[in-house]
PDB file of N, CA and C in Angstrom:
ATOM      1  N   UNK A   1       4.398 -11.688   5.506  1.00  0.00           N
ATOM      2  CA  UNK A   1       5.705 -10.865   5.733  1.00  0.00           C
ATOM      3  C   UNK A   1       7.047 -10.789   6.535  1.00  0.00           C
ATOM      4  N   UNK A   2       8.099 -10.872   5.735  1.00  0.00           N
ATOM      5  CA  UNK A   2       9.027 -10.767   6.776  1.00  0.00           C
ATOM      6  C   UNK A   2       9.000  -9.652   7.676  1.00  0.00           C
ATOM      7  N   UNK A   3       9.769 -10.110   8.820  1.00  0.00           N
ATOM      8  CA  UNK A   3       9.783  -9.333  10.666  1.00  0.00           C
ATOM      9  C   UNK A   3      10.891  -7.930   9.247  1.00  0.00           C
ATOM     10  N   UNK A   4      11.683  -7.525   8.613  1.00  0.00           N
ATOM     11  CA  UNK A   4      12.291  -6.068   8.551  1.00  0.00           C
ATOM     12  C   UNK A   4      11.554  -5.313   8.082  1.00  0.00           C
ATOM     13  N   UNK A   5      10.795  -6.122   6.909  1.00  0.00           N
ATOM     14  CA  UNK A   5       9.566  -5.370   5.428  1.00  0.00           C
ATOM     15  C   UNK A   5       8.105  -5.191   6.773  1.00  0.00           C
ATOM     16  N   UNK A   6       8.064  -5.930   7.381  1.00  0.00           N
ATOM     17  CA  UNK A   6       6.920  -5.642   8.544  1.00  0.00           C
ATOM     18  C   UNK A   6       7.946  -4.411   9.509  1.00  0.00           C
ATOM     19  N   UNK A   7       8.316  -3.776   9.459  1.00  0.00           N
ATOM     20  CA  UNK A   7       9.151  -2.630  10.570  1.00  0.00           C
ATOM     21  C   UNK A   7       8.984  -1.797   9.369  1.00  0.00           C
ATOM     22  N   UNK A   8       9.551  -1.797   8.874  1.00  0.00           N
ATOM     23  CA  UNK A   8      10.290  -1.138   8.144  1.00  0.00           C
ATOM     24  C   UNK A   8       8.565  -0.045   7.284  1.00  0.00           C
ATOM     25  N   UNK A   9       7.329  -0.956   6.493  1.00  0.00           N
ATOM     26  CA  UNK A   9       6.302  -1.139   6.210  1.00  0.00           C
ATOM     27  C   UNK A   9       5.132   0.480   7.608  1.00  0.00           C
ATOM     28  N   UNK A  10       5.730  -1.217   8.530  1.00  0.00           N
ATOM     29  CA  UNK A  10       5.058   0.166   9.958  1.00  0.00           C
ATOM     30  C   UNK A  10       5.036   1.617   9.936  1.00  0.00           C
ATOM     31  N   UNK A  11       6.668   1.300  10.257  1.00  0.00           N
ATOM     32  CA  UNK A  11       7.156   2.442  10.043  1.00  0.00           C
ATOM     33  C   UNK A  11       6.697   3.966   9.108  1.00  0.00           C
ATOM     34  N   UNK A  12       6.616   3.482   8.364  1.00  0.00           N
ATOM     35  CA  UNK A  12       6.146   4.358   7.408  1.00  0.00           C
ATOM     36  C   UNK A  12       4.826   4.996   7.107  1.00  0.00           C
ATOM     37  N   UNK A  13       4.351   3.959   7.966  1.00  0.00           N
ATOM     38  CA  UNK A  13       2.698   4.227   7.766  1.00  0.00           C
ATOM     39  C   UNK A  13       2.979   5.003   9.312  1.00  0.00           C
ATOM     40  N   UNK A  14       3.498   5.113  10.427  1.00  0.00           N
ATOM     41  CA  UNK A  14       3.228   5.928  11.076  1.00  0.00           C
ATOM     42  C   UNK A  14       3.961   7.410  10.635  1.00  0.00           C
ATOM     43  N   UNK A  15       4.599   7.614   9.546  1.00  0.00           N
ATOM     44  CA  UNK A  15       4.793   8.856   9.549  1.00  0.00           C
ATOM     45  C   UNK A  15       3.916   8.793   8.006  1.00  0.00           C
ATOM     46  N   UNK A  16       3.224   8.595   7.460  1.00  0.00           N
ATOM     47  CA  UNK A  16       2.166   8.857   6.176  1.00  0.00           C
ATOM     48  C   UNK A  16       1.195   9.188   8.184  1.00  0.00           C
ATOM     49  N   UNK A  17       0.379   8.924   8.706  1.00  0.00           N
ATOM     50  CA  UNK A  17      -0.210   8.803   9.617  1.00  0.00           C
ATOM     51  C   UNK A  17       0.091  10.487  10.208  1.00  0.00           C
ATOM     52  N   UNK A  18       1.234  10.119  10.356  1.00  0.00           N
ATOM     53  CA  UNK A  18       1.329  11.878  10.592  1.00  0.00           C
ATOM     54  C   UNK A  18       1.490  12.970   9.841  1.00  0.00           C
ATOM     55  N   UNK A  19       1.698  12.648   8.158  1.00  0.00           N
ATOM     56  CA  UNK A  19       1.546  13.200   7.832  1.00  0.00           C
ATOM     57  C   UNK A  19      -0.235  13.886   7.522  1.00  0.00           C
ATOM     58  N   UNK A  20      -1.227  12.959   7.678  1.00  0.00           N
ATOM     59  CA  UNK A  20      -2.242  12.450   7.518  1.00  0.00           C
ATOM     60  C   UNK A  20      -3.370  13.470   8.133  1.00  0.00           C
ATOM     61  N   UNK A  21      -2.725  13.696   9.550  1.00  0.00           N
ATOM     62  CA  UNK A  21      -2.892  14.706  10.543  1.00  0.00           C
ATOM     63  C   UNK A  21      -2.423  15.976  10.331  1.00  0.00           C
ATOM     64  N   UNK A  22      -2.012  16.428   9.606  1.00  0.00           N
ATOM     65  CA  UNK A  22      -0.274  17.828   9.087  1.00  0.00           C
ATOM     66  C   UNK A  22      -1.189  18.048   8.250  1.00  0.00           C
ATOM     67  N   UNK A  23      -2.329  17.470   7.225  1.00  0.00           N
ATOM     68  CA  UNK A  23      -3.089  17.837   6.271  1.00  0.00           C
ATOM     69  C   UNK A  23      -4.695  18.103   7.393  1.00  0.00           C
ATOM     70  N   UNK A  24      -5.230  17.211   7.989  1.00  0.00           N
ATOM     71  CA  UNK A  24      -6.543  18.019   8.704  1.00  0.00           C
ATOM     72  C   UNK A  24      -6.200  18.784   9.569  1.00  0.00           C
ATOM     73  N   UNK A  25      -4.849  19.312   9.653  1.00  0.00           N
ATOM     74  CA  UNK A  25      -4.252  20.777  10.789  1.00  0.00           C
ATOM     75  C   UNK A  25      -4.466  21.722  10.304  1.00  0.00           C
ATOM     76  N   UNK A  26      -4.317  21.892   8.325  1.00  0.00           N
ATOM     77  CA  UNK A  26      -3.386  22.470   7.229  1.00  0.00           C
ATOM     78  C   UNK A  26      -5.763  23.048   6.812  1.00  0.00           C
ATOM     79  N   UNK A  27      -6.437  21.961   6.896  1.00  0.00           N
ATOM     80  CA  UNK A  27      -7.722  21.953   6.331  1.00  0.00           C
ATOM     81  C   UNK A  27      -8.214  22.822   7.486  1.00  0.00           C
ATOM     82  N   UNK A  28      -7.863  22.476   8.959  1.00  0.00           N
ATOM     83  CA  UNK A  28      -8.693  23.684   9.680  1.00  0.00           C
ATOM     84  C   UNK A  28      -8.202  24.662   9.665  1.00  0.00           C
ATOM     85  N   UNK A  29      -6.594  25.324   9.319  1.00  0.00           N
ATOM     86  CA  UNK A  29      -6.335  26.102   9.444  1.00  0.00           C
ATOM     87  C   UNK A  29      -6.468  27.600   8.280  1.00  0.00           C
ATOM     88  N   UNK A  30      -7.460  25.957   7.431  1.00  0.00           N
ATOM     89  CA  UNK A  30      -7.783  26.751   5.880  1.00  0.00           C
ATOM     90  C   UNK A  30      -6.387  27.833   5.467  1.00  0.00           C
ATOM     91  N   UNK A  31      -5.932  26.728   5.311  1.00  0.00           N
ATOM     92  CA  UNK A  31      -4.516  26.783   4.528  1.00  0.00           C
ATOM     93  C   UNK A  31      -4.553  26.452   2.886  1.00  0.00           C
ATOM     94  N   UNK A  32      -3.858  27.456   2.575  1.00  0.00           N
ATOM     95  CA  UNK A  32      -4.293  27.336   0.916  1.00  0.00           C
ATOM     96  C   UNK A  32      -4.184  26.631   0.917  1.00  0.00           C
ATOM     97  N   UNK A  33      -5.504  25.562  -0.425  1.00  0.00           N
ATOM     98  CA  UNK A  33      -5.415  25.301  -1.475  1.00  0.00           C
ATOM     99  C   UNK A  33      -4.694  24.723  -1.565  1.00  0.00           C
ATOM    100  N   UNK A  34      -3.966  24.901  -2.647  1.00  0.00           N
ATOM    101  CA  UNK A  34      -2.353  24.780  -3.082  1.00  0.00           C
ATOM    102  C   UNK A  34      -2.200  23.304  -2.448  1.00  0.00           C
ATOM    103  N   UNK A  35      -2.018  24.346  -1.142  1.00  0.00           N
ATOM    104  CA  UNK A  35      -0.653  23.528  -0.055  1.00  0.00           C
ATOM    105  C   UNK A  35      -1.062  22.365   0.734  1.00  0.00           C
ATOM    106  N   UNK A  36      -2.094  22.447   0.560  1.00  0.00           N
ATOM    107  CA  UNK A  36      -3.507  21.013   1.364  1.00  0.00           C
ATOM    108  C   UNK A  36      -3.318  19.520  -0.192  1.00  0.00           C
ATOM    109  N   UNK A  37      -3.694  20.463  -1.037  1.00  0.00           N
ATOM    110  CA  UNK A  37      -3.161  19.693  -2.538  1.00  0.00           C
ATOM    111  C   UNK A  37      -1.832  18.752  -2.656  1.00  0.00           C
ATOM    112  N   UNK A  38      -1.290  19.936  -2.400  1.00  0.00           N
ATOM    113  CA  UNK A  38       0.398  19.239  -2.260  1.00  0.00           C
ATOM    114  C   UNK A  38       0.645  18.119  -1.276  1.00  0.00           C
ATOM    115  N   UNK A  39       0.669  18.084  -0.691  1.00  0.00           N
ATOM    116  CA  UNK A  39       0.170  17.465   1.489  1.00  0.00           C
ATOM    117  C   UNK A  39      -0.109  16.237   0.792  1.00  0.00           C
ATOM    118  N   UNK A  40      -1.633  16.694   0.091  1.00  0.00           N
ATOM    119  CA  UNK A  40      -2.249  15.237  -0.592  1.00  0.00           C
ATOM    120  C   UNK A  40      -1.902  14.000  -1.502  1.00  0.00           C
ATOM    121  N   UNK A  41      -0.780  14.861  -2.461  1.00  0.00           N
ATOM    122  CA  UNK A  41      -0.408  14.146  -3.339  1.00  0.00           C
ATOM    123  C   UNK A  41       0.852  12.992  -2.551  1.00  0.00           C
ATOM    124  N   UNK A  42       1.486  14.086  -1.501  1.00  0.00           N
ATOM    125  CA  UNK A  42       2.869  13.417  -0.967  1.00  0.00           C
ATOM    126  C   UNK A  42       2.218  12.178  -0.669  1.00  0.00           C
ATOM    127  N   UNK A  43       0.780  12.177   0.634  1.00  0.00           N
ATOM    128  CA  UNK A  43       0.232  11.584   0.897  1.00  0.00           C
ATOM    129  C   UNK A  43      -0.265  10.248   0.024  1.00  0.00           C
ATOM    130  N   UNK A  44      -0.676  10.108  -1.111  1.00  0.00           N
ATOM    131  CA  UNK A  44      -1.079   9.246  -2.001  1.00  0.00           C
ATOM    132  C   UNK A  44       0.358   8.613  -2.181  1.00  0.00           C
ATOM    133  N   UNK A  45       1.330   9.651  -2.517  1.00  0.00           N
ATOM    134  CA  UNK A  45       3.029   9.178  -3.184  1.00  0.00           C
ATOM    135  C   UNK A  45       3.315   8.286  -2.186  1.00  0.00           C
ATOM    136  N   UNK A  46       3.244   8.406  -0.686  1.00  0.00           N
ATOM    137  CA  UNK A  46       3.728   7.708   0.353  1.00  0.00           C
ATOM    138  C   UNK A  46       3.012   5.686   0.852  1.00  0.00           C
ATOM    139  N   UNK A  47       2.072   6.611   0.478  1.00  0.00           N
ATOM    140  CA  UNK A  47       0.979   4.652   0.544  1.00  0.00           C
ATOM    141  C   UNK A  47       1.006   4.290  -0.571  1.00  0.00           C
ATOM    142  N   UNK A  48       1.248   4.773  -2.292  1.00  0.00           N
ATOM    143  CA  UNK A  48       1.002   3.833  -3.235  1.00  0.00           C
ATOM    144  C   UNK A  48       3.158   3.172  -2.541  1.00  0.00           C
ATOM    145  N   UNK A  49       3.783   3.534  -2.416  1.00  0.00           N
ATOM    146  CA  UNK A  49       5.154   3.227  -2.179  1.00  0.00           C
ATOM    147  C   UNK A  49       4.598   1.444  -1.153  1.00  0.00           C
ATOM    148  N   UNK A  50       4.068   2.004  -0.186  1.00  0.00           N
ATOM    149  CA  UNK A  50       4.178   0.778   1.134  1.00  0.00           C
ATOM    150  C   UNK A  50       2.641  -0.096   0.415  1.00  0.00           C
ATOM    151  N   UNK A  51       2.247   0.409  -0.849  1.00  0.00           N
ATOM    152  CA  UNK A  51       1.420  -0.345  -1.596  1.00  0.00           C
ATOM    153  C   UNK A  51       2.163  -1.498  -2.392  1.00  0.00           C
ATOM    154  N   UNK A  52       3.306  -1.062  -2.945  1.00  0.00           N
ATOM    155  CA  UNK A  52       4.097  -0.926  -3.987  1.00  0.00           C
ATOM    156  C   UNK A  52       5.244  -3.147  -3.288  1.00  0.00           C
ATOM    157  N   UNK A  53       5.491  -2.042  -2.071  1.00  0.00           N
ATOM    158  CA  UNK A  53       5.977  -3.122  -1.051  1.00  0.00           C
ATOM    159  C   UNK A  53       5.203  -4.110  -1.232  1.00  0.00           C
ATOM    160  N   UNK A  54       4.266  -3.974  -0.087  1.00  0.00           N
ATOM    161  CA  UNK A  54       3.508  -5.238   0.359  1.00  0.00           C
ATOM    162  C   UNK A  54       3.179  -6.279  -1.075  1.00  0.00           C
ATOM    163  N   UNK A  55       3.155  -5.811  -2.355  1.00  0.00           N
ATOM    164  CA  UNK A  55       2.910  -6.486  -3.331  1.00  0.00           C
ATOM    165  C   UNK A  55       4.049  -7.454  -3.502  1.00  0.00           C
ATOM    166  N   UNK A  56       5.233  -6.490  -3.820  1.00  0.00           N
ATOM    167  CA  UNK A  56       6.334  -7.094  -4.051  1.00  0.00           C
ATOM    168  C   UNK A  56       6.416  -8.573  -3.448  1.00  0.00           C
ATOM    169  N   UNK A  57       5.948  -8.409  -1.494  1.00  0.00           N
ATOM    170  CA  UNK A  57       6.423  -9.580  -0.670  1.00  0.00           C
ATOM    171  C   UNK A  57       5.446 -10.293  -0.915  1.00  0.00           C
ATOM    172  N   UNK A  58       4.189 -10.039  -1.120  1.00  0.00           N
ATOM    173  CA  UNK A  58       3.370 -11.043  -1.512  1.00  0.00           C
ATOM    174  C   UNK A  58       3.637 -11.801  -2.757  1.00  0.00           C
ATOM    175  N   UNK A  59       4.650 -11.429  -3.957  1.00  0.00           N
ATOM    176  CA  UNK A  59       4.023 -12.096  -5.127  1.00  0.00           C
ATOM    177  C   UNK A  59       5.579 -13.313  -5.078  1.00  0.00           C
ATOM    178  N   UNK A  60       6.472 -12.275  -3.766  1.00  0.00           N
ATOM    179  CA  UNK A  60       7.698 -13.036  -3.690  1.00  0.00           C
ATOM    180  C   UNK A  60       7.482 -13.780  -2.783  1.00  0.00           C
ATOM    181  N   UNK A  61       6.026 -14.157  -2.339  1.00  0.00           N
ATOM    182  CA  UNK A  61       5.884 -15.267  -0.756  1.00  0.00           C
ATOM    183  C   UNK A  61       5.101 -16.214  -1.185  1.00  0.00           C
ATOM    184  N   UNK A  62       4.149 -15.161  -1.072  1.00  0.00           N
ATOM    185  CA  UNK A  62       3.049 -15.961  -1.393  1.00  0.00           C
ATOM    186  C   UNK A  62       2.590 -16.379  -2.524  1.00  0.00           C
ATOM    187  N   UNK A  63       2.350 -15.823  -3.463  1.00  0.00           N
ATOM    188  CA  UNK A  63       2.138 -16.792  -4.338  1.00  0.00           C
ATOM    189  C   UNK A  63       3.558 -17.785  -5.177  1.00  0.00           C
ATOM    190  N   UNK A  64       4.778 -16.801  -4.637  1.00  0.00           N
ATOM    191  CA  UNK A  64       5.350 -18.092  -5.427  1.00  0.00           C
ATOM    192  C   UNK A  64       5.194 -19.298  -5.218  1.00  0.00           C
ATOM    193  N   UNK A  65       5.330 -19.378  -3.087  1.00  0.00           N
ATOM    194  CA  UNK A  65       5.404 -20.654  -2.496  1.00  0.00           C
ATOM    195  C   UNK A  65       3.356 -21.871  -2.898  1.00  0.00           C
ATOM    196  N   UNK A  66       2.880 -20.745  -3.801  1.00  0.00           N
ATOM    197  CA  UNK A  66       1.216 -21.191  -4.189  1.00  0.00           C
ATOM    198  C   UNK A  66       2.113 -21.722  -4.993  1.00  0.00           C
ATOM    199  N   UNK A  67       2.340 -21.445  -6.560  1.00  0.00           N
ATOM    200  CA  UNK A  67       3.218 -21.998  -7.958  1.00  0.00           C
ATOM    201  C   UNK A  67       4.148 -23.324  -7.115  1.00  0.00           C
ATOM    202  N   UNK A  68       4.944 -22.570  -6.649  1.00  0.00           N
ATOM    203  CA  UNK A  68       5.950 -24.230  -5.941  1.00  0.00           C
ATOM    204  C   UNK A  68       5.440 -24.975  -5.518  1.00  0.00           C
ATOM    205  N   UNK A  69       4.424 -25.191  -4.865  1.00  0.00           N
ATOM    206  CA  UNK A  69       3.485 -26.139  -3.773  1.00  0.00           C
ATOM    207  C   UNK A  69       2.539 -26.757  -3.841  1.00  0.00           C
ATOM    208  N   UNK A  70       1.822 -25.532  -4.694  1.00  0.00           N
ATOM    209  CA  UNK A  70      -0.068 -25.542  -4.513  1.00  0.00           C
ATOM    210  C   UNK A  70      -1.250 -26.290  -5.519  1.00  0.00           C
ATOM    211  N   UNK A  71      -2.156 -26.307  -5.399  1.00  0.00           N
ATOM    212  CA  UNK A  71      -2.683 -27.525  -5.882  1.00  0.00           C
ATOM    213  C   UNK A  71      -2.703 -25.874  -7.296  1.00  0.00           C
ATOM    214  N   UNK A  72      -3.584 -26.757  -8.080  1.00  0.00           N
ATOM    215  CA  UNK A  72      -4.469 -26.165  -9.518  1.00  0.00           C
ATOM    216  C   UNK A  72      -5.218 -24.956  -8.997  1.00  0.00           C
ATOM    217  N   UNK A  73      -5.896 -25.372  -7.708  1.00  0.00           N
ATOM    218  CA  UNK A  73      -6.820 -25.049  -7.726  1.00  0.00           C
ATOM    219  C   UNK A  73      -6.034 -23.177  -6.379  1.00  0.00           C
ATOM    220  N   UNK A  74      -4.862 -23.885  -6.075  1.00  0.00           N
ATOM    221  CA  UNK A  74      -3.842 -22.705  -4.871  1.00  0.00           C
ATOM    222  C   UNK A  74      -4.030 -21.780  -6.366  1.00  0.00           C
ATOM    223  N   UNK A  75      -2.872 -22.349  -7.117  1.00  0.00           N
ATOM    224  CA  UNK A  75      -2.667 -21.175  -7.725  1.00  0.00           C
ATOM    225  C   UNK A  75      -3.863 -20.506  -8.581  1.00  0.00           C
ATOM    226  N   UNK A  76      -5.214 -20.371  -9.044  1.00  0.00           N
ATOM    227  CA  UNK A  76      -5.819 -19.901  -9.732  1.00  0.00           C
ATOM    228  C   UNK A  76      -6.504 -18.759  -8.440  1.00  0.00           C
ATOM    229  N   UNK A  77      -6.735 -19.060  -7.311  1.00  0.00           N
ATOM    230  CA  UNK A  77      -6.841 -18.576  -6.410  1.00  0.00           C
ATOM    231  C   UNK A  77      -5.935 -17.183  -6.055  1.00  0.00           C
ATOM    232  N   UNK A  78      -4.817 -17.254  -6.472  1.00  0.00           N
ATOM    233  CA  UNK A  78      -3.826 -15.983  -6.002  1.00  0.00           C
ATOM    234  C   UNK A  78      -3.724 -15.636  -7.462  1.00  0.00           C
ATOM    235  N   UNK A  79      -4.270 -15.878  -8.719  1.00  0.00           N
ATOM    236  CA  UNK A  79      -3.969 -15.628  -9.229  1.00  0.00           C
ATOM    237  C   UNK A  79      -5.560 -14.355  -9.129  1.00  0.00           C
ATOM    238  N   UNK A  80      -6.491 -14.637  -9.255  1.00  0.00           N
ATOM    239  CA  UNK A  80      -7.618 -14.218  -8.744  1.00  0.00           C
ATOM    240  C   UNK A  80      -7.656 -13.190  -7.998  1.00  0.00           C
ATOM    241  N   UNK A  81      -7.316 -13.399  -7.362  1.00  0.00           N
ATOM    242  CA  UNK A  81      -6.927 -12.309  -5.825  1.00  0.00           C
ATOM    243  C   UNK A  81      -5.961 -10.891  -6.201  1.00  0.00           C
ATOM    244  N   UNK A  82      -4.788 -11.516  -7.242  1.00  0.00           N
ATOM    245  CA  UNK A  82      -4.571 -10.605  -7.825  1.00  0.00           C
ATOM    246  C   UNK A  82      -5.138  -9.210  -8.495  1.00  0.00           C
ATOM    247  N   UNK A  83      -5.595  -9.934  -9.563  1.00  0.00           N
ATOM    248  CA  UNK A  83      -6.809  -9.727 -10.153  1.00  0.00           C
ATOM    249  C   UNK A  83      -7.491  -8.749  -9.948  1.00  0.00           C
ATOM    250  N   UNK A  84      -8.360  -9.297  -8.664  1.00  0.00           N
ATOM    251  CA  UNK A  84      -9.349  -8.797  -8.256  1.00  0.00           C
ATOM    252  C   UNK A  84      -9.199  -6.871  -7.745  1.00  0.00           C
ATOM    253  N   UNK A  85      -7.649  -7.179  -7.401  1.00  0.00           N
ATOM    254  CA  UNK A  85      -7.305  -6.108  -6.237  1.00  0.00           C
ATOM    255  C   UNK A  85      -5.844  -5.335  -7.216  1.00  0.00           C
ATOM    256  N   UNK A  86      -5.548  -5.263  -7.968  1.00  0.00           N
ATOM    257  CA  UNK A  86      -5.384  -4.863  -9.423  1.00  0.00           C
ATOM    258  C   UNK A  86      -6.566  -3.448 -10.243  1.00  0.00           C
ATOM    259  N   UNK A  87      -7.912  -4.658  -9.833  1.00  0.00           N
ATOM    260  CA  UNK A  87      -8.684  -4.401 -11.172  1.00  0.00           C
ATOM    261  C   UNK A  87     -10.162  -2.542 -10.162  1.00  0.00           C
ATOM    262  N   UNK A  88      -9.443  -3.400  -8.758  1.00  0.00           N
ATOM    263  CA  UNK A  88      -9.914  -2.350  -8.081  1.00  0.00           C
ATOM    264  C   UNK A  88      -9.612  -1.337  -7.458  1.00  0.00           C
ATOM    265  N   UNK A  89      -8.270  -0.810  -8.178  1.00  0.00           N
ATOM    266  CA  UNK A  89      -7.684   0.321  -8.111  1.00  0.00           C
ATOM    267  C   UNK A  89      -7.276   1.165  -9.470  1.00  0.00           C
ATOM    268  N   UNK A  90      -7.657   0.439  -9.997  1.00  0.00           N
ATOM    269  CA  UNK A  90      -8.492   1.425 -11.618  1.00  0.00           C
ATOM    270  C   UNK A  90     -10.014   2.492 -11.471  1.00  0.00           C
ATOM    271  N   UNK A  91     -10.292   1.692 -10.532  1.00  0.00           N
ATOM    272  CA  UNK A  91     -11.553   2.686 -10.457  1.00  0.00           C
ATOM    273  C   UNK A  91     -11.542   3.626  -8.947  1.00  0.00           C
TER     274      UNK A  91
END
């Protein structure tokens, strides 16, 4: 992962961590369920953005490198890894 992306994703994950702690406090304080659910959806959306960026970086670097310089086995491994991750997301 390139250093600039790594820093931005770590910063974003730090903010998400704070959001999760906030949700835990909301639950502890018996806050209104809809407010908790709204915050949980915001956390999921933020994690989704991190996931998209990591996937984009993986495709642009790891997968591209395997297809440009790798063996047939390396190429198939990258394809299989991506399929496994994408299939597990649906479950």
